[in-house]
Amino acid sequence: MKIFWVGDKHRSHPWSVRPGGNTVIVLYKDSKCYGYDKVKRPDSYMTKVIGETIKRVYSRNDNYRMETMEEYLEEIFILKPTSQIVERVWSKNSRVKFSSSLEKFRTE
């Protein structure tokens, strides 16, 4: 899987460019994969980023519109700042919202 790493120039919040935090990798239903580093509050940050990505990229096509953000997603992975292991924290078969799965990874 090829990961598109989102650079600092695409970030607007000051925390997003400051070192530290987690690395979050999001795999969408269409196999596009985006990576974000320096994420301090993954539940809030990813809700915003995934929502903006869906509006910008995916929901332009009326035939691709879905009811919830989770319907656009396949899996979400996280790499904690103290680990070298990428961990799957949410998948399409999860019975909870992805933001709930990311809440426990807040560093600030």
PDB file of N, CA and C in Angstrom:
ATOM      1  N   MET A   1       0.838  -1.169   0.000  1.00  0.00           N
ATOM      2  CA  MET A   1       0.000   0.000   0.000  1.00  0.00           C
ATOM      3  C   MET A   1       0.891   1.244   0.000  1.00  0.00           C
ATOM      4  N   LYS A   2       0.587   2.175  -0.861  1.00  0.00           N
ATOM      5  CA  LYS A   2       1.331   3.424  -0.950  1.00  0.00           C
ATOM      6  C   LYS A   2       0.615   4.476  -0.092  1.00  0.00           C
ATOM      7  N   ILE A   3       1.374   5.130   0.783  1.00  0.00           N
ATOM      8  CA  ILE A   3       0.811   6.137   1.684  1.00  0.00           C
ATOM      9  C   ILE A   3       1.171   7.527   1.174  1.00  0.00           C
ATOM     10  N   PHE A   4       0.177   8.389   1.029  1.00  0.00           N
ATOM     11  CA  PHE A   4       0.399   9.786   0.706  1.00  0.00           C
ATOM     12  C   PHE A   4       0.555  10.531   2.025  1.00  0.00           C
ATOM     13  N   TRP A   5       1.768  11.042   2.297  1.00  0.00           N
ATOM     14  CA  TRP A   5       2.041  11.733   3.557  1.00  0.00           C
ATOM     15  C   TRP A   5       1.690  13.209   3.414  1.00  0.00           C
ATOM     16  N   VAL A   6       0.808  13.680   4.263  1.00  0.00           N
ATOM     17  CA  VAL A   6       0.338  15.051   4.217  1.00  0.00           C
ATOM     18  C   VAL A   6       1.378  15.953   4.880  1.00  0.00           C
ATOM     19  N   GLY A   7       1.860  16.931   4.128  1.00  0.00           N
ATOM     20  CA  GLY A   7       2.915  17.824   4.603  1.00  0.00           C
ATOM     21  C   GLY A   7       2.407  18.963   5.473  1.00  0.00           C
ATOM     22  N   ASP A   8       3.334  19.603   6.150  1.00  0.00           N
ATOM     23  CA  ASP A   8       3.007  20.694   7.073  1.00  0.00           C
ATOM     24  C   ASP A   8       2.320  21.870   6.380  1.00  0.00           C
ATOM     25  N   LYS A   9       2.608  22.095   5.105  1.00  0.00           N
ATOM     26  CA  LYS A   9       2.012  23.247   4.418  1.00  0.00           C
ATOM     27  C   LYS A   9       0.494  23.111   4.278  1.00  0.00           C
ATOM     28  N   HIS A  10      -0.033  21.913   4.474  1.00  0.00           N
ATOM     29  CA  HIS A  10      -1.468  21.674   4.375  1.00  0.00           C
ATOM     30  C   HIS A  10      -2.165  21.757   5.732  1.00  0.00           C
ATOM     31  N   ARG A  11      -1.451  22.158   6.753  1.00  0.00           N
ATOM     32  CA  ARG A  11      -1.998  22.180   8.116  1.00  0.00           C
ATOM     33  C   ARG A  11      -2.205  23.613   8.582  1.00  0.00           C
ATOM     34  N   SER A  12      -3.310  23.822   9.293  1.00  0.00           N
ATOM     35  CA  SER A  12      -3.625  25.182   9.729  1.00  0.00           C
ATOM     36  C   SER A  12      -3.503  25.370  11.248  1.00  0.00           C
ATOM     37  N   HIS A  13      -3.588  24.322  12.019  1.00  0.00           N
ATOM     38  CA  HIS A  13      -3.515  24.439  13.472  1.00  0.00           C
ATOM     39  C   HIS A  13      -2.045  24.401  13.918  1.00  0.00           C
ATOM     40  N   PRO A  14      -1.635  25.297  14.822  1.00  0.00           N
ATOM     41  CA  PRO A  14      -0.233  25.360  15.265  1.00  0.00           C
ATOM     42  C   PRO A  14       0.280  24.033  15.854  1.00  0.00           C
ATOM     43  N   TRP A  15      -0.579  23.259  16.518  1.00  0.00           N
ATOM     44  CA  TRP A  15      -0.154  21.974  17.085  1.00  0.00           C
ATOM     45  C   TRP A  15       0.254  20.990  15.993  1.00  0.00           C
ATOM     46  N   SER A  16      -0.325  21.141  14.823  1.00  0.00           N
ATOM     47  CA  SER A  16      -0.108  20.174  13.746  1.00  0.00           C
ATOM     48  C   SER A  16       1.290  20.227  13.137  1.00  0.00           C
ATOM     49  N   VAL A  17       2.008  21.292  13.393  1.00  0.00           N
ATOM     50  CA  VAL A  17       3.368  21.399  12.855  1.00  0.00           C
ATOM     51  C   VAL A  17       4.426  21.269  13.951  1.00  0.00           C
ATOM     52  N   ARG A  18       3.965  21.254  15.198  1.00  0.00           N
ATOM     53  CA  ARG A  18       4.876  21.108  16.335  1.00  0.00           C
ATOM     54  C   ARG A  18       5.241  19.635  16.513  1.00  0.00           C
ATOM     55  N   PRO A  19       6.501  19.312  16.777  1.00  0.00           N
ATOM     56  CA  PRO A  19       6.918  17.920  16.978  1.00  0.00           C
ATOM     57  C   PRO A  19       6.148  17.240  18.112  1.00  0.00           C
ATOM     58  N   GLY A  20       6.069  15.913  18.029  1.00  0.00           N
ATOM     59  CA  GLY A  20       5.397  15.120  19.057  1.00  0.00           C
ATOM     60  C   GLY A  20       4.066  14.592  18.569  1.00  0.00           C
ATOM     61  N   GLY A  21       3.453  13.779  19.391  1.00  0.00           N
ATOM     62  CA  GLY A  21       2.154  13.214  19.041  1.00  0.00           C
ATOM     63  C   GLY A  21       2.268  11.901  18.297  1.00  0.00           C
ATOM     64  N   ASN A  22       1.146  11.462  17.766  1.00  0.00           N
ATOM     65  CA  ASN A  22       1.039  10.180  17.074  1.00  0.00           C
ATOM     66  C   ASN A  22       1.131  10.348  15.564  1.00  0.00           C
ATOM     67  N   THR A  23       1.316   9.231  14.898  1.00  0.00           N
ATOM     68  CA  THR A  23       1.193   9.173  13.444  1.00  0.00           C
ATOM     69  C   THR A  23      -0.067   8.359  13.158  1.00  0.00           C
ATOM     70  N   VAL A  24      -0.961   8.928  12.340  1.00  0.00           N
ATOM     71  CA  VAL A  24      -2.222   8.268  12.010  1.00  0.00           C
ATOM     72  C   VAL A  24      -2.247   8.005  10.507  1.00  0.00           C
ATOM     73  N   ILE A  25      -2.647   6.789  10.140  1.00  0.00           N
ATOM     74  CA  ILE A  25      -2.747   6.395   8.739  1.00  0.00           C
ATOM     75  C   ILE A  25      -4.187   5.993   8.475  1.00  0.00           C
ATOM     76  N   VAL A  26      -4.791   6.609   7.450  1.00  0.00           N
ATOM     77  CA  VAL A  26      -6.191   6.365   7.124  1.00  0.00           C
ATOM     78  C   VAL A  26      -6.276   5.721   5.746  1.00  0.00           C
ATOM     79  N   LEU A  27      -6.917   4.564   5.685  1.00  0.00           N
ATOM     80  CA  LEU A  27      -7.160   3.871   4.426  1.00  0.00           C
ATOM     81  C   LEU A  27      -8.635   4.039   4.084  1.00  0.00           C
ATOM     82  N   TYR A  28      -8.894   4.669   2.933  1.00  0.00           N
ATOM     83  CA  TYR A  28     -10.260   4.898   2.482  1.00  0.00           C
ATOM     84  C   TYR A  28     -10.769   3.712   1.662  1.00  0.00           C
ATOM     85  N   LYS A  29     -12.079   3.650   1.454  1.00  0.00           N
ATOM     86  CA  LYS A  29     -12.716   2.562   0.703  1.00  0.00           C
ATOM     87  C   LYS A  29     -12.148   2.414  -0.705  1.00  0.00           C
ATOM     88  N   ASP A  30     -11.748   3.520  -1.319  1.00  0.00           N
ATOM     89  CA  ASP A  30     -11.247   3.463  -2.695  1.00  0.00           C
ATOM     90  C   ASP A  30      -9.749   3.150  -2.757  1.00  0.00           C
ATOM     91  N   SER A  31      -9.192   2.680  -1.648  1.00  0.00           N
ATOM     92  CA  SER A  31      -7.786   2.274  -1.518  1.00  0.00           C
ATOM     93  C   SER A  31      -6.806   3.437  -1.434  1.00  0.00           C
ATOM     94  N   LYS A  32      -7.276   4.670  -1.395  1.00  0.00           N
ATOM     95  CA  LYS A  32      -6.373   5.798  -1.164  1.00  0.00           C
ATOM     96  C   LYS A  32      -5.980   5.766   0.301  1.00  0.00           C
ATOM     97  N   CYS A  33      -4.718   6.083   0.557  1.00  0.00           N
ATOM     98  CA  CYS A  33      -4.189   5.998   1.906  1.00  0.00           C
ATOM     99  C   CYS A  33      -3.433   7.284   2.232  1.00  0.00           C
ATOM    100  N   TYR A  34      -3.796   7.940   3.339  1.00  0.00           N
ATOM    101  CA  TYR A  34      -3.169   9.187   3.760  1.00  0.00           C
ATOM    102  C   TYR A  34      -2.532   9.011   5.134  1.00  0.00           C
ATOM    103  N   GLY A  35      -1.350   9.597   5.311  1.00  0.00           N
ATOM    104  CA  GLY A  35      -0.652   9.543   6.577  1.00  0.00           C
ATOM    105  C   GLY A  35      -0.476  10.935   7.160  1.00  0.00           C
ATOM    106  N   TYR A  36      -0.641  11.039   8.454  1.00  0.00           N
ATOM    107  CA  TYR A  36      -0.524  12.313   9.176  1.00  0.00           C
ATOM    108  C   TYR A  36       0.363  12.088  10.389  1.00  0.00           C
ATOM    109  N   ASP A  37       1.409  12.889  10.526  1.00  0.00           N
ATOM    110  CA  ASP A  37       2.263  12.780  11.708  1.00  0.00           C
ATOM    111  C   ASP A  37       2.001  13.970  12.622  1.00  0.00           C
ATOM    112  N   LYS A  38       2.563  13.930  13.807  1.00  0.00           N
ATOM    113  CA  LYS A  38       2.463  15.014  14.797  1.00  0.00           C
ATOM    114  C   LYS A  38       1.025  15.290  15.235  1.00  0.00           C
ATOM    115  N   VAL A  39       0.217  14.234  15.379  1.00  0.00           N
ATOM    116  CA  VAL A  39      -1.189  14.387  15.749  1.00  0.00           C
ATOM    117  C   VAL A  39      -1.337  14.225  17.266  1.00  0.00           C
ATOM    118  N   LYS A  40      -1.695  15.317  17.932  1.00  0.00           N
ATOM    119  CA  LYS A  40      -1.797  15.315  19.397  1.00  0.00           C
ATOM    120  C   LYS A  40      -3.153  14.831  19.893  1.00  0.00           C
ATOM    121  N   ARG A  41      -4.211  15.162  19.175  1.00  0.00           N
ATOM    122  CA  ARG A  41      -5.578  14.746  19.542  1.00  0.00           C
ATOM    123  C   ARG A  41      -6.215  14.053  18.333  1.00  0.00           C
ATOM    124  N   PRO A  42      -5.872  12.788  18.127  1.00  0.00           N
ATOM    125  CA  PRO A  42      -6.302  12.102  16.915  1.00  0.00           C
ATOM    126  C   PRO A  42      -7.817  12.031  16.723  1.00  0.00           C
ATOM    127  N   ASP A  43      -8.586  11.950  17.799  1.00  0.00           N
ATOM    128  CA  ASP A  43     -10.040  11.877  17.654  1.00  0.00           C
ATOM    129  C   ASP A  43     -10.598  13.153  17.028  1.00  0.00           C
ATOM    130  N   SER A  44     -10.194  14.305  17.526  1.00  0.00           N
ATOM    131  CA  SER A  44     -10.668  15.591  16.994  1.00  0.00           C
ATOM    132  C   SER A  44     -10.060  15.899  15.636  1.00  0.00           C
ATOM    133  N   TYR A  45      -8.748  15.735  15.551  1.00  0.00           N
ATOM    134  CA  TYR A  45      -8.033  16.072  14.320  1.00  0.00           C
ATOM    135  C   TYR A  45      -8.521  15.236  13.143  1.00  0.00           C
ATOM    136  N   MET A  46      -8.653  13.922  13.344  1.00  0.00           N
ATOM    137  CA  MET A  46      -9.039  13.054  12.236  1.00  0.00           C
ATOM    138  C   MET A  46     -10.506  13.244  11.858  1.00  0.00           C
ATOM    139  N   THR A  47     -11.371  13.594  12.806  1.00  0.00           N
ATOM    140  CA  THR A  47     -12.769  13.896  12.460  1.00  0.00           C
ATOM    141  C   THR A  47     -12.810  15.071  11.497  1.00  0.00           C
ATOM    142  N   LYS A  48     -12.016  16.097  11.790  1.00  0.00           N
ATOM    143  CA  LYS A  48     -11.969  17.274  10.923  1.00  0.00           C
ATOM    144  C   LYS A  48     -11.346  16.937   9.569  1.00  0.00           C
ATOM    145  N   VAL A  49     -10.198  16.287   9.585  1.00  0.00           N
ATOM    146  CA  VAL A  49      -9.471  15.989   8.348  1.00  0.00           C
ATOM    147  C   VAL A  49     -10.264  15.036   7.446  1.00  0.00           C
ATOM    148  N   ILE A  50     -10.818  13.981   8.026  1.00  0.00           N
ATOM    149  CA  ILE A  50     -11.581  13.017   7.221  1.00  0.00           C
ATOM    150  C   ILE A  50     -12.825  13.690   6.649  1.00  0.00           C
ATOM    151  N   GLY A  51     -13.494  14.512   7.450  1.00  0.00           N
ATOM    152  CA  GLY A  51     -14.666  15.243   6.954  1.00  0.00           C
ATOM    153  C   GLY A  51     -14.320  16.147   5.788  1.00  0.00           C
ATOM    154  N   GLU A  52     -13.211  16.877   5.889  1.00  0.00           N
ATOM    155  CA  GLU A  52     -12.778  17.762   4.804  1.00  0.00           C
ATOM    156  C   GLU A  52     -12.379  16.965   3.563  1.00  0.00           C
ATOM    157  N   THR A  53     -11.714  15.824   3.763  1.00  0.00           N
ATOM    158  CA  THR A  53     -11.312  14.981   2.631  1.00  0.00           C
ATOM    159  C   THR A  53     -12.537  14.442   1.908  1.00  0.00           C
ATOM    160  N   ILE A  54     -13.529  14.008   2.648  1.00  0.00           N
ATOM    161  CA  ILE A  54     -14.751  13.488   2.038  1.00  0.00           C
ATOM    162  C   ILE A  54     -15.438  14.586   1.225  1.00  0.00           C
ATOM    163  N   LYS A  55     -15.548  15.788   1.789  1.00  0.00           N
ATOM    164  CA  LYS A  55     -16.185  16.899   1.063  1.00  0.00           C
ATOM    165  C   LYS A  55     -15.411  17.251  -0.193  1.00  0.00           C
ATOM    166  N   ARG A  56     -14.086  17.329  -0.077  1.00  0.00           N
ATOM    167  CA  ARG A  56     -13.244  17.773  -1.179  1.00  0.00           C
ATOM    168  C   ARG A  56     -13.088  16.723  -2.276  1.00  0.00           C
ATOM    169  N   VAL A  57     -12.901  15.475  -1.914  1.00  0.00           N
ATOM    170  CA  VAL A  57     -12.534  14.453  -2.880  1.00  0.00           C
ATOM    171  C   VAL A  57     -13.671  13.507  -3.221  1.00  0.00           C
ATOM    172  N   TYR A  58     -14.333  12.989  -2.209  1.00  0.00           N
ATOM    173  CA  TYR A  58     -15.239  11.875  -2.435  1.00  0.00           C
ATOM    174  C   TYR A  58     -16.683  12.263  -2.707  1.00  0.00           C
ATOM    175  N   SER A  59     -17.197  13.286  -2.072  1.00  0.00           N
ATOM    176  CA  SER A  59     -18.624  13.570  -2.209  1.00  0.00           C
ATOM    177  C   SER A  59     -18.945  14.431  -3.423  1.00  0.00           C
ATOM    178  N   ARG A  60     -17.977  14.720  -4.273  1.00  0.00           N
ATOM    179  CA  ARG A  60     -18.257  15.448  -5.518  1.00  0.00           C
ATOM    180  C   ARG A  60     -19.151  14.622  -6.437  1.00  0.00           C
ATOM    181  N   ASN A  61     -19.006  13.337  -6.346  1.00  0.00           N
ATOM    182  CA  ASN A  61     -19.778  12.423  -7.174  1.00  0.00           C
ATOM    183  C   ASN A  61     -21.033  12.007  -6.406  1.00  0.00           C
ATOM    184  N   ASP A  62     -22.195  12.424  -6.889  1.00  0.00           N
ATOM    185  CA  ASP A  62     -23.452  12.121  -6.196  1.00  0.00           C
ATOM    186  C   ASP A  62     -23.663  10.624  -6.000  1.00  0.00           C
ATOM    187  N   ASN A  63     -23.116   9.798  -6.865  1.00  0.00           N
ATOM    188  CA  ASN A  63     -23.295   8.358  -6.749  1.00  0.00           C
ATOM    189  C   ASN A  63     -22.440   7.765  -5.633  1.00  0.00           C
ATOM    190  N   TYR A  64     -21.548   8.551  -5.069  1.00  0.00           N
ATOM    191  CA  TYR A  64     -20.625   8.052  -4.053  1.00  0.00           C
ATOM    192  C   TYR A  64     -20.991   8.560  -2.665  1.00  0.00           C
ATOM    193  N   ARG A  65     -22.101   9.274  -2.547  1.00  0.00           N
ATOM    194  CA  ARG A  65     -22.491   9.862  -1.267  1.00  0.00           C
ATOM    195  C   ARG A  65     -22.963   8.798  -0.284  1.00  0.00           C
ATOM    196  N   MET A  66     -22.491   8.895   0.959  1.00  0.00           N
ATOM    197  CA  MET A  66     -22.860   7.935   1.995  1.00  0.00           C
ATOM    198  C   MET A  66     -23.372   8.685   3.212  1.00  0.00           C
ATOM    199  N   GLU A  67     -23.985   7.976   4.128  1.00  0.00           N
ATOM    200  CA  GLU A  67     -24.633   8.587   5.286  1.00  0.00           C
ATOM    201  C   GLU A  67     -23.664   9.024   6.389  1.00  0.00           C
ATOM    202  N   THR A  68     -22.641   8.230   6.666  1.00  0.00           N
ATOM    203  CA  THR A  68     -21.704   8.553   7.751  1.00  0.00           C
ATOM    204  C   THR A  68     -20.271   8.572   7.219  1.00  0.00           C
ATOM    205  N   MET A  69     -19.396   9.222   7.967  1.00  0.00           N
ATOM    206  CA  MET A  69     -17.986   9.249   7.574  1.00  0.00           C
ATOM    207  C   MET A  69     -17.396   7.853   7.558  1.00  0.00           C
ATOM    208  N   GLU A  70     -17.814   7.017   8.490  1.00  0.00           N
ATOM    209  CA  GLU A  70     -17.270   5.664   8.587  1.00  0.00           C
ATOM    210  C   GLU A  70     -17.498   4.865   7.301  1.00  0.00           C
ATOM    211  N   GLU A  71     -18.531   5.175   6.557  1.00  0.00           N
ATOM    212  CA  GLU A  71     -18.816   4.448   5.319  1.00  0.00           C
ATOM    213  C   GLU A  71     -17.782   4.718   4.228  1.00  0.00           C
ATOM    214  N   TYR A  72     -17.011   5.774   4.356  1.00  0.00           N
ATOM    215  CA  TYR A  72     -15.954   6.104   3.399  1.00  0.00           C
ATOM    216  C   TYR A  72     -14.637   5.423   3.743  1.00  0.00           C
ATOM    217  N   LEU A  73     -14.559   4.846   4.941  1.00  0.00           N
ATOM    218  CA  LEU A  73     -13.296   4.358   5.470  1.00  0.00           C
ATOM    219  C   LEU A  73     -13.197   2.842   5.448  1.00  0.00           C
ATOM    220  N   GLU A  74     -11.962   2.375   5.314  1.00  0.00           N
ATOM    221  CA  GLU A  74     -11.677   0.941   5.407  1.00  0.00           C
ATOM    222  C   GLU A  74     -11.034   0.627   6.760  1.00  0.00           C
ATOM    223  N   GLU A  75      -9.922   1.341   7.060  1.00  0.00           N
ATOM    224  CA  GLU A  75      -9.192   1.104   8.316  1.00  0.00           C
ATOM    225  C   GLU A  75      -8.450   2.365   8.740  1.00  0.00           C
ATOM    226  N   ILE A  76      -8.167   2.433  10.041  1.00  0.00           N
ATOM    227  CA  ILE A  76      -7.321   3.497  10.589  1.00  0.00           C
ATOM    228  C   ILE A  76      -6.264   2.833  11.460  1.00  0.00           C
ATOM    229  N   PHE A  77      -5.018   3.280  11.275  1.00  0.00           N
ATOM    230  CA  PHE A  77      -3.882   2.753  12.024  1.00  0.00           C
ATOM    231  C   PHE A  77      -3.233   3.892  12.784  1.00  0.00           C
ATOM    232  N   ILE A  78      -2.518   3.533  13.856  1.00  0.00           N
ATOM    233  CA  ILE A  78      -1.806   4.550  14.634  1.00  0.00           C
ATOM    234  C   ILE A  78      -0.430   4.032  15.021  1.00  0.00           C
ATOM    235  N   LEU A  79       0.516   4.941  15.034  1.00  0.00           N
ATOM    236  CA  LEU A  79       1.862   4.674  15.537  1.00  0.00           C
ATOM    237  C   LEU A  79       2.071   5.641  16.689  1.00  0.00           C
ATOM    238  N   LYS A  80       2.107   5.116  17.898  1.00  0.00           N
ATOM    239  CA  LYS A  80       2.274   5.955  19.082  1.00  0.00           C
ATOM    240  C   LYS A  80       3.716   6.469  19.136  1.00  0.00           C
ATOM    241  N   PRO A  81       3.920   7.621  19.767  1.00  0.00           N
ATOM    242  CA  PRO A  81       5.267   8.208  19.808  1.00  0.00           C
ATOM    243  C   PRO A  81       6.283   7.333  20.539  1.00  0.00           C
ATOM    244  N   THR A  82       5.822   6.439  21.405  1.00  0.00           N
ATOM    245  CA  THR A  82       6.742   5.603  22.177  1.00  0.00           C
ATOM    246  C   THR A  82       6.869   4.190  21.603  1.00  0.00           C
ATOM    247  N   SER A  83       6.342   3.987  20.389  1.00  0.00           N
ATOM    248  CA  SER A  83       6.318   2.646  19.819  1.00  0.00           C
ATOM    249  C   SER A  83       6.912   2.619  18.414  1.00  0.00           C
ATOM    250  N   GLN A  84       7.263   1.430  17.966  1.00  0.00           N
ATOM    251  CA  GLN A  84       7.711   1.243  16.586  1.00  0.00           C
ATOM    252  C   GLN A  84       6.760   0.304  15.859  1.00  0.00           C
ATOM    253  N   ILE A  85       5.606   0.049  16.472  1.00  0.00           N
ATOM    254  CA  ILE A  85       4.631  -0.878  15.910  1.00  0.00           C
ATOM    255  C   ILE A  85       3.390  -0.114  15.473  1.00  0.00           C
ATOM    256  N   VAL A  86       3.009  -0.288  14.209  1.00  0.00           N
ATOM    257  CA  VAL A  86       1.789   0.313  13.694  1.00  0.00           C
ATOM    258  C   VAL A  86       0.619  -0.572  14.123  1.00  0.00           C
ATOM    259  N   GLU A  87      -0.361   0.037  14.768  1.00  0.00           N
ATOM    260  CA  GLU A  87      -1.485  -0.702  15.340  1.00  0.00           C
ATOM    261  C   GLU A  87      -2.792  -0.312  14.639  1.00  0.00           C
ATOM    262  N   ARG A  88      -3.571  -1.296  14.218  1.00  0.00           N
ATOM    263  CA  ARG A  88      -4.889  -0.991  13.657  1.00  0.00           C
ATOM    264  C   ARG A  88      -5.807  -0.670  14.830  1.00  0.00           C
ATOM    265  N   VAL A  89      -6.442   0.510  14.782  1.00  0.00           N
ATOM    266  CA  VAL A  89      -7.301   0.935  15.887  1.00  0.00           C
ATOM    267  C   VAL A  89      -8.776   0.985  15.497  1.00  0.00           C
ATOM    268  N   TRP A  90      -9.059   0.941  14.206  1.00  0.00           N
ATOM    269  CA  TRP A  90     -10.443   0.955  13.747  1.00  0.00           C
ATOM    270  C   TRP A  90     -10.514   0.276  12.382  1.00  0.00           C
ATOM    271  N   SER A  91     -11.608  -0.442  12.130  1.00  0.00           N
ATOM    272  CA  SER A  91     -11.830  -1.020  10.800  1.00  0.00           C
ATOM    273  C   SER A  91     -13.309  -0.918  10.453  1.00  0.00           C
ATOM    274  N   LYS A  92     -13.628  -1.172   9.197  1.00  0.00           N
ATOM    275  CA  LYS A  92     -15.010  -1.043   8.726  1.00  0.00           C
ATOM    276  C   LYS A  92     -15.969  -1.961   9.484  1.00  0.00           C
ATOM    277  N   ASN A  93     -15.452  -2.997  10.124  1.00  0.00           N
ATOM    278  CA  ASN A  93     -16.287  -3.919  10.892  1.00  0.00           C
ATOM    279  C   ASN A  93     -16.483  -3.491  12.346  1.00  0.00           C
ATOM    280  N   SER A  94     -15.869  -2.370  12.721  1.00  0.00           N
ATOM    281  CA  SER A  94     -16.010  -1.878  14.091  1.00  0.00           C
ATOM    282  C   SER A  94     -17.445  -1.416  14.336  1.00  0.00           C
ATOM    283  N   ARG A  95     -17.861  -1.551  15.551  1.00  0.00           N
ATOM    284  CA  ARG A  95     -19.227  -1.139  15.897  1.00  0.00           C
ATOM    285  C   ARG A  95     -19.255   0.219  16.576  1.00  0.00           C
ATOM    286  N   VAL A  96     -18.128   0.900  16.567  1.00  0.00           N
ATOM    287  CA  VAL A  96     -18.035   2.230  17.167  1.00  0.00           C
ATOM    288  C   VAL A  96     -17.548   3.221  16.125  1.00  0.00           C
ATOM    289  N   LYS A  97     -17.767   4.484  16.401  1.00  0.00           N
ATOM    290  CA  LYS A  97     -17.259   5.533  15.510  1.00  0.00           C
ATOM    291  C   LYS A  97     -15.737   5.561  15.608  1.00  0.00           C
ATOM    292  N   PHE A  98     -15.086   5.913  14.494  1.00  0.00           N
ATOM    293  CA  PHE A  98     -13.621   5.931  14.504  1.00  0.00           C
ATOM    294  C   PHE A  98     -13.072   6.904  15.535  1.00  0.00           C
ATOM    295  N   SER A  99     -13.781   8.010  15.774  1.00  0.00           N
ATOM    296  CA  SER A  99     -13.295   9.003  16.736  1.00  0.00           C
ATOM    297  C   SER A  99     -13.230   8.409  18.152  1.00  0.00           C
ATOM    298  N   SER A 100     -14.161   7.537  18.483  1.00  0.00           N
ATOM    299  CA  SER A 100     -14.141   6.890  19.799  1.00  0.00           C
ATOM    300  C   SER A 100     -12.914   5.993  19.953  1.00  0.00           C
ATOM    301  N   SER A 101     -12.523   5.342  18.868  1.00  0.00           N
ATOM    302  CA  SER A 101     -11.337   4.455  18.898  1.00  0.00           C
ATOM    303  C   SER A 101     -10.046   5.245  19.024  1.00  0.00           C
ATOM    304  N   LEU A 102     -10.054   6.517  18.612  1.00  0.00           N
ATOM    305  CA  LEU A 102      -8.832   7.337  18.634  1.00  0.00           C
ATOM    306  C   LEU A 102      -8.689   8.163  19.915  1.00  0.00           C
ATOM    307  N   GLU A 103      -9.760   8.294  20.661  1.00  0.00           N
ATOM    308  CA  GLU A 103      -9.771   9.160  21.846  1.00  0.00           C
ATOM    309  C   GLU A 103      -8.657   8.849  22.842  1.00  0.00           C
ATOM    310  N   LYS A 104      -8.393   7.590  23.074  1.00  0.00           N
ATOM    311  CA  LYS A 104      -7.415   7.191  24.088  1.00  0.00           C
ATOM    312  C   LYS A 104      -5.967   7.494  23.701  1.00  0.00           C
ATOM    313  N   PHE A 105      -5.751   7.955  22.466  1.00  0.00           N
ATOM    314  CA  PHE A 105      -4.401   8.244  21.993  1.00  0.00           C
ATOM    315  C   PHE A 105      -4.028   9.720  22.086  1.00  0.00           C
ATOM    316  N   ARG A 106      -4.812  10.498  22.799  1.00  0.00           N
ATOM    317  CA  ARG A 106      -4.490  11.929  22.971  1.00  0.00           C
ATOM    318  C   ARG A 106      -3.175  12.065  23.737  1.00  0.00           C
ATOM    319  N   THR A 107      -2.332  12.969  23.272  1.00  0.00           N
ATOM    320  CA  THR A 107      -1.087  13.246  23.979  1.00  0.00           C
ATOM    321  C   THR A 107      -1.121  14.615  24.662  1.00  0.00           C
ATOM    322  N   GLU A 108      -2.103  15.421  24.328  1.00  0.00           N
ATOM    323  CA  GLU A 108      -2.274  16.743  24.960  1.00  0.00           C
ATOM    324  C   GLU A 108      -3.738  17.000  25.185  1.00  0.00           C
TER     325      GLU A 108
END
